[in-house]
């Protein structure tokens, strides 16, 4: 019973994350356009869909579908892959993405304050 509830919860969060990315964030921006293209960089941070719970919806919730698959099939191999994948996705985030986003959005904030 508990396994089914957990699996359902995880299985719903994964697709909801992808829906939120596509609808509110956009696939181009998700692929990193806001790091390179000023049109995307000047957009505000998204606070709708899964992003109303966290600014890192793709990293935090996007991989939960892998956990659901591992749990439903009771597979140690799939649990290992889910754990590795969910952990490893944070490496590029902390190595480059977070630093870049902190710089870009703090720079954007400073420029907006100067215009006022």
N, C-alpha and C. Protein backbone atom coordinates (compact mmCIF):
# COMPACT_ATOMS: atom_id res chain seq x y z
N UNK A 1 0.82 -1.19 0.00
CA UNK A 1 0.00 0.00 0.00
C UNK A 1 0.87 1.26 0.00
N UNK A 2 1.79 1.37 0.95
CA UNK A 2 2.66 2.55 1.03
C UNK A 2 3.53 2.66 -0.21
N UNK A 3 3.98 1.53 -0.71
CA UNK A 3 4.81 1.52 -1.92
C UNK A 3 4.03 2.11 -3.10
N UNK A 4 2.77 1.75 -3.21
CA UNK A 4 1.92 2.27 -4.29
C UNK A 4 1.69 3.76 -4.18
N UNK A 5 1.48 4.24 -2.97
CA UNK A 5 1.26 5.68 -2.75
C UNK A 5 2.52 6.46 -3.09
N UNK A 6 3.65 5.99 -2.60
CA UNK A 6 4.93 6.66 -2.88
C UNK A 6 5.22 6.65 -4.37
N UNK A 7 5.02 5.51 -5.00
CA UNK A 7 5.28 5.39 -6.44
C UNK A 7 4.38 6.34 -7.23
N UNK A 8 3.11 6.40 -6.88
CA UNK A 8 2.17 7.29 -7.58
C UNK A 8 2.58 8.74 -7.41
N UNK A 9 2.93 9.12 -6.20
CA UNK A 9 3.36 10.49 -5.92
C UNK A 9 4.59 10.85 -6.75
N UNK A 10 5.59 9.98 -6.74
CA UNK A 10 6.81 10.23 -7.50
C UNK A 10 6.54 10.23 -9.00
N UNK A 11 5.70 9.31 -9.43
CA UNK A 11 5.39 9.19 -10.86
C UNK A 11 4.63 10.41 -11.37
N UNK A 12 3.86 11.06 -10.54
CA UNK A 12 3.13 12.26 -10.96
C UNK A 12 4.01 13.50 -10.96
N UNK A 13 4.94 13.59 -10.03
CA UNK A 13 5.81 14.77 -9.96
C UNK A 13 6.75 14.88 -11.16
N UNK A 14 7.24 13.76 -11.66
CA UNK A 14 8.14 13.81 -12.81
C UNK A 14 7.49 14.41 -14.04
N UNK A 15 6.35 13.88 -14.49
CA UNK A 15 5.68 14.48 -15.65
C UNK A 15 5.18 15.90 -15.40
N UNK A 16 4.74 16.20 -14.17
CA UNK A 16 4.31 17.57 -13.86
C UNK A 16 5.49 18.53 -13.99
N UNK A 17 6.67 18.08 -13.62
CA UNK A 17 7.86 18.91 -13.79
C UNK A 17 8.11 19.19 -15.27
N UNK A 18 8.04 18.16 -16.09
CA UNK A 18 8.27 18.36 -17.53
C UNK A 18 7.19 19.27 -18.14
N UNK A 19 5.94 19.10 -17.70
CA UNK A 19 4.86 19.97 -18.15
C UNK A 19 5.16 21.42 -17.76
N UNK A 20 5.58 21.63 -16.51
CA UNK A 20 5.88 22.98 -16.03
C UNK A 20 7.04 23.59 -16.80
N UNK A 21 8.06 22.79 -17.07
CA UNK A 21 9.20 23.29 -17.84
C UNK A 21 8.74 23.75 -19.21
N UNK A 22 7.99 22.91 -19.87
CA UNK A 22 7.54 23.24 -21.23
C UNK A 22 6.59 24.43 -21.23
N UNK A 23 5.64 24.45 -20.32
CA UNK A 23 4.61 25.49 -20.33
C UNK A 23 5.10 26.83 -19.80
N UNK A 24 5.78 26.84 -18.67
CA UNK A 24 6.11 28.09 -18.00
C UNK A 24 7.55 28.56 -18.24
N UNK A 25 8.42 27.65 -18.52
CA UNK A 25 9.84 27.97 -18.62
C UNK A 25 10.31 27.96 -20.07
N UNK A 26 9.86 26.98 -20.81
CA UNK A 26 10.25 26.84 -22.21
C UNK A 26 11.47 25.95 -22.36
N UNK A 27 11.43 25.13 -23.39
CA UNK A 27 12.52 24.17 -23.60
C UNK A 27 13.83 24.87 -24.00
N UNK A 28 13.73 25.95 -24.74
CA UNK A 28 14.95 26.68 -25.15
C UNK A 28 15.64 27.26 -23.93
N UNK A 29 14.86 27.87 -23.06
CA UNK A 29 15.43 28.43 -21.84
C UNK A 29 15.97 27.33 -20.93
N UNK A 30 15.26 26.21 -20.87
CA UNK A 30 15.71 25.09 -20.06
C UNK A 30 17.03 24.52 -20.56
N UNK A 31 17.26 24.63 -21.85
CA UNK A 31 18.51 24.14 -22.44
C UNK A 31 19.67 25.11 -22.23
N UNK A 32 19.41 26.24 -21.57
CA UNK A 32 20.49 27.15 -21.22
C UNK A 32 20.51 28.46 -21.97
N UNK A 33 19.43 28.81 -22.67
CA UNK A 33 19.43 30.05 -23.44
C UNK A 33 19.62 31.28 -22.56
N UNK A 34 19.14 31.22 -21.32
CA UNK A 34 19.28 32.38 -20.45
C UNK A 34 20.73 32.64 -20.04
N UNK A 35 21.60 31.71 -20.30
CA UNK A 35 23.02 31.92 -20.03
C UNK A 35 23.69 32.69 -21.17
N UNK A 36 23.08 32.65 -22.36
CA UNK A 36 23.74 33.20 -23.54
C UNK A 36 22.94 34.26 -24.28
N UNK A 37 21.64 34.19 -24.24
CA UNK A 37 20.79 35.07 -25.03
C UNK A 37 20.13 36.11 -24.12
N UNK A 38 20.43 37.40 -24.34
CA UNK A 38 19.87 38.45 -23.48
C UNK A 38 18.34 38.48 -23.44
N UNK A 39 17.68 38.04 -24.51
CA UNK A 39 16.21 38.02 -24.50
C UNK A 39 15.68 37.12 -23.39
N UNK A 40 16.34 36.00 -23.17
CA UNK A 40 15.92 35.08 -22.11
C UNK A 40 16.49 35.52 -20.77
N UNK A 41 17.68 36.03 -20.78
CA UNK A 41 18.36 36.44 -19.55
C UNK A 41 17.59 37.54 -18.84
N UNK A 42 16.94 38.41 -19.61
CA UNK A 42 16.21 39.53 -19.02
C UNK A 42 14.83 39.15 -18.50
N UNK A 43 14.43 37.91 -18.73
CA UNK A 43 13.14 37.45 -18.20
C UNK A 43 13.25 37.22 -16.70
N UNK A 44 12.16 37.42 -15.98
CA UNK A 44 12.20 37.15 -14.53
C UNK A 44 12.26 35.64 -14.27
N UNK A 45 12.65 35.29 -13.06
CA UNK A 45 12.64 33.89 -12.67
C UNK A 45 11.20 33.38 -12.68
N UNK A 46 11.01 32.15 -13.08
CA UNK A 46 9.67 31.57 -13.18
C UNK A 46 9.20 31.15 -11.80
N UNK A 47 7.97 31.51 -11.47
CA UNK A 47 7.38 31.17 -10.17
C UNK A 47 6.01 30.51 -10.34
N UNK A 48 5.83 29.77 -11.45
CA UNK A 48 4.58 29.08 -11.71
C UNK A 48 4.85 27.59 -11.89
N UNK A 49 3.79 26.80 -11.84
CA UNK A 49 3.95 25.36 -11.99
C UNK A 49 4.81 24.80 -10.86
N UNK A 50 5.67 23.89 -11.20
CA UNK A 50 6.54 23.27 -10.20
C UNK A 50 7.51 24.29 -9.59
N UNK A 51 7.75 25.37 -10.31
CA UNK A 51 8.70 26.39 -9.87
C UNK A 51 8.16 27.25 -8.73
N UNK A 52 6.89 27.12 -8.40
CA UNK A 52 6.39 27.87 -7.24
C UNK A 52 6.83 27.22 -5.94
N UNK A 53 7.27 25.97 -6.01
CA UNK A 53 7.75 25.26 -4.82
C UNK A 53 9.26 25.39 -4.64
N UNK A 54 9.98 25.53 -5.74
CA UNK A 54 11.43 25.65 -5.70
C UNK A 54 11.92 26.27 -7.00
N UNK A 55 13.03 26.95 -6.94
CA UNK A 55 13.59 27.52 -8.17
C UNK A 55 14.33 26.46 -8.98
N UNK A 56 14.55 25.30 -8.41
CA UNK A 56 15.28 24.22 -9.08
C UNK A 56 14.37 23.03 -9.36
N UNK A 57 13.22 23.29 -9.92
CA UNK A 57 12.25 22.23 -10.17
C UNK A 57 12.78 21.11 -11.04
N UNK A 58 13.54 21.48 -12.07
CA UNK A 58 14.06 20.45 -12.98
C UNK A 58 15.04 19.53 -12.27
N UNK A 59 15.88 20.09 -11.42
CA UNK A 59 16.88 19.30 -10.73
C UNK A 59 16.27 18.50 -9.58
N UNK A 60 15.39 19.13 -8.84
CA UNK A 60 14.86 18.50 -7.65
C UNK A 60 13.78 17.46 -7.95
N UNK A 61 12.84 17.82 -8.83
CA UNK A 61 11.68 16.95 -9.08
C UNK A 61 11.74 16.17 -10.39
N UNK A 62 12.51 16.64 -11.34
CA UNK A 62 12.53 16.04 -12.67
C UNK A 62 12.94 14.57 -12.69
N UNK A 63 13.78 14.19 -11.77
CA UNK A 63 14.31 12.82 -11.77
C UNK A 63 13.49 11.87 -10.91
N UNK A 64 12.42 12.35 -10.30
CA UNK A 64 11.62 11.48 -9.43
C UNK A 64 10.93 10.36 -10.19
N UNK A 65 10.70 10.56 -11.47
CA UNK A 65 10.10 9.50 -12.28
C UNK A 65 11.00 8.26 -12.30
N UNK A 66 12.32 8.47 -12.33
CA UNK A 66 13.25 7.34 -12.29
C UNK A 66 13.12 6.56 -10.98
N UNK A 67 12.92 7.29 -9.89
CA UNK A 67 12.72 6.63 -8.60
C UNK A 67 11.43 5.81 -8.61
N UNK A 68 10.37 6.37 -9.19
CA UNK A 68 9.09 5.65 -9.25
C UNK A 68 9.24 4.35 -10.03
N UNK A 69 9.93 4.40 -11.15
CA UNK A 69 10.15 3.19 -11.95
C UNK A 69 10.93 2.15 -11.14
N UNK A 70 11.97 2.61 -10.45
CA UNK A 70 12.78 1.68 -9.64
C UNK A 70 11.96 1.04 -8.53
N UNK A 71 11.10 1.84 -7.89
CA UNK A 71 10.29 1.31 -6.79
C UNK A 71 9.23 0.35 -7.30
N UNK A 72 8.57 0.71 -8.39
CA UNK A 72 7.49 -0.13 -8.91
C UNK A 72 8.01 -1.50 -9.36
N UNK A 73 9.21 -1.52 -9.90
CA UNK A 73 9.80 -2.79 -10.34
C UNK A 73 10.66 -3.44 -9.26
N UNK A 74 10.78 -2.77 -8.11
CA UNK A 74 11.56 -3.31 -7.00
C UNK A 74 12.96 -3.72 -7.46
N UNK A 75 13.58 -2.83 -8.21
CA UNK A 75 14.86 -3.14 -8.85
C UNK A 75 16.02 -2.41 -8.19
N UNK A 76 16.96 -3.17 -7.68
CA UNK A 76 18.16 -2.58 -7.08
C UNK A 76 18.96 -1.85 -8.15
N UNK A 77 19.06 -2.42 -9.34
CA UNK A 77 19.79 -1.77 -10.43
C UNK A 77 19.14 -0.43 -10.79
N UNK A 78 17.82 -0.40 -10.89
CA UNK A 78 17.12 0.84 -11.22
C UNK A 78 17.24 1.85 -10.08
N UNK A 79 17.22 1.39 -8.84
CA UNK A 79 17.43 2.30 -7.70
C UNK A 79 18.82 2.91 -7.74
N UNK A 80 19.80 2.10 -8.12
CA UNK A 80 21.17 2.59 -8.24
C UNK A 80 21.27 3.65 -9.32
N UNK A 81 20.66 3.39 -10.47
CA UNK A 81 20.66 4.36 -11.58
C UNK A 81 19.94 5.64 -11.16
N UNK A 82 18.79 5.51 -10.50
CA UNK A 82 18.04 6.68 -10.05
C UNK A 82 18.85 7.51 -9.06
N UNK A 83 19.48 6.83 -8.10
CA UNK A 83 20.29 7.54 -7.11
C UNK A 83 21.48 8.24 -7.75
N UNK A 84 22.17 7.54 -8.65
CA UNK A 84 23.31 8.14 -9.33
C UNK A 84 22.88 9.33 -10.18
N UNK A 85 21.83 9.13 -10.97
CA UNK A 85 21.36 10.19 -11.88
C UNK A 85 20.89 11.42 -11.11
N UNK A 86 20.12 11.18 -10.07
CA UNK A 86 19.58 12.30 -9.30
C UNK A 86 20.70 13.04 -8.56
N UNK A 87 21.70 12.33 -8.13
CA UNK A 87 22.84 12.96 -7.47
C UNK A 87 23.73 13.67 -8.49
N UNK A 88 23.98 13.00 -9.59
CA UNK A 88 24.94 13.55 -10.56
C UNK A 88 24.41 14.78 -11.28
N UNK A 89 23.11 14.95 -11.41
CA UNK A 89 22.57 16.14 -12.08
C UNK A 89 22.94 17.41 -11.32
N UNK A 90 23.20 17.27 -10.03
CA UNK A 90 23.56 18.45 -9.24
C UNK A 90 25.01 18.88 -9.49
N UNK A 91 25.85 17.99 -10.02
CA UNK A 91 27.26 18.35 -10.26
C UNK A 91 27.36 19.51 -11.24
N UNK A 92 26.77 19.44 -12.44
CA UNK A 92 26.88 20.60 -13.33
C UNK A 92 26.16 21.83 -12.79
N UNK A 93 25.10 21.61 -12.00
CA UNK A 93 24.41 22.76 -11.43
C UNK A 93 25.33 23.52 -10.49
N UNK A 94 25.96 22.83 -9.56
CA UNK A 94 26.84 23.51 -8.61
C UNK A 94 28.17 23.92 -9.23
N UNK A 95 28.64 23.18 -10.23
CA UNK A 95 29.93 23.50 -10.85
C UNK A 95 29.84 24.72 -11.77
N UNK A 96 28.74 24.87 -12.49
CA UNK A 96 28.64 25.98 -13.44
C UNK A 96 27.31 26.72 -13.36
N UNK A 97 26.22 25.99 -13.36
CA UNK A 97 24.91 26.61 -13.47
C UNK A 97 24.59 27.59 -12.36
N UNK A 98 24.79 27.21 -11.11
CA UNK A 98 24.46 28.09 -9.99
C UNK A 98 25.34 29.33 -10.00
N UNK A 99 26.61 29.16 -10.24
CA UNK A 99 27.51 30.31 -10.30
C UNK A 99 27.09 31.28 -11.39
N UNK A 100 26.77 30.72 -12.54
CA UNK A 100 26.36 31.54 -13.68
C UNK A 100 25.04 32.25 -13.38
N UNK A 101 24.07 31.54 -12.84
CA UNK A 101 22.77 32.14 -12.54
C UNK A 101 22.90 33.21 -11.47
N UNK A 102 23.70 32.96 -10.44
CA UNK A 102 23.91 33.98 -9.41
C UNK A 102 24.48 35.24 -10.03
N UNK A 103 25.47 35.08 -10.91
CA UNK A 103 26.09 36.23 -11.57
C UNK A 103 25.09 36.94 -12.47
N UNK A 104 24.42 36.18 -13.33
CA UNK A 104 23.50 36.79 -14.30
C UNK A 104 22.35 37.52 -13.62
N UNK A 105 21.73 36.89 -12.65
CA UNK A 105 20.56 37.50 -12.04
C UNK A 105 20.93 38.58 -11.03
N UNK A 106 22.10 38.52 -10.42
CA UNK A 106 22.53 39.63 -9.57
C UNK A 106 22.93 40.81 -10.45
N UNK A 107 23.55 40.54 -11.61
CA UNK A 107 23.90 41.60 -12.56
C UNK A 107 22.63 42.25 -13.09
N UNK A 108 21.64 41.45 -13.44
CA UNK A 108 20.37 41.97 -13.93
C UNK A 108 19.71 42.84 -12.86
N UNK A 109 19.74 42.39 -11.62
CA UNK A 109 19.17 43.14 -10.53
C UNK A 109 19.88 44.49 -10.35
N UNK A 110 21.20 44.48 -10.42
CA UNK A 110 21.97 45.72 -10.29
C UNK A 110 21.65 46.69 -11.42
N UNK A 111 21.56 46.19 -12.64
CA UNK A 111 21.24 47.05 -13.79
C UNK A 111 19.84 47.66 -13.69
N UNK A 112 18.90 46.89 -13.19
CA UNK A 112 17.54 47.41 -13.01
C UNK A 112 17.51 48.49 -11.94
N UNK A 113 18.29 48.33 -10.88
CA UNK A 113 18.34 49.35 -9.83
C UNK A 113 18.96 50.64 -10.35
N UNK A 114 19.95 50.52 -11.24
CA UNK A 114 20.59 51.70 -11.79
C UNK A 114 19.64 52.50 -12.68
N UNK A 115 18.70 51.80 -13.34
CA UNK A 115 17.75 52.46 -14.22
C UNK A 115 16.70 53.26 -13.43
N UNK A 116 16.46 52.86 -12.18
CA UNK A 116 15.43 53.53 -11.35
C UNK A 116 15.87 54.87 -10.88
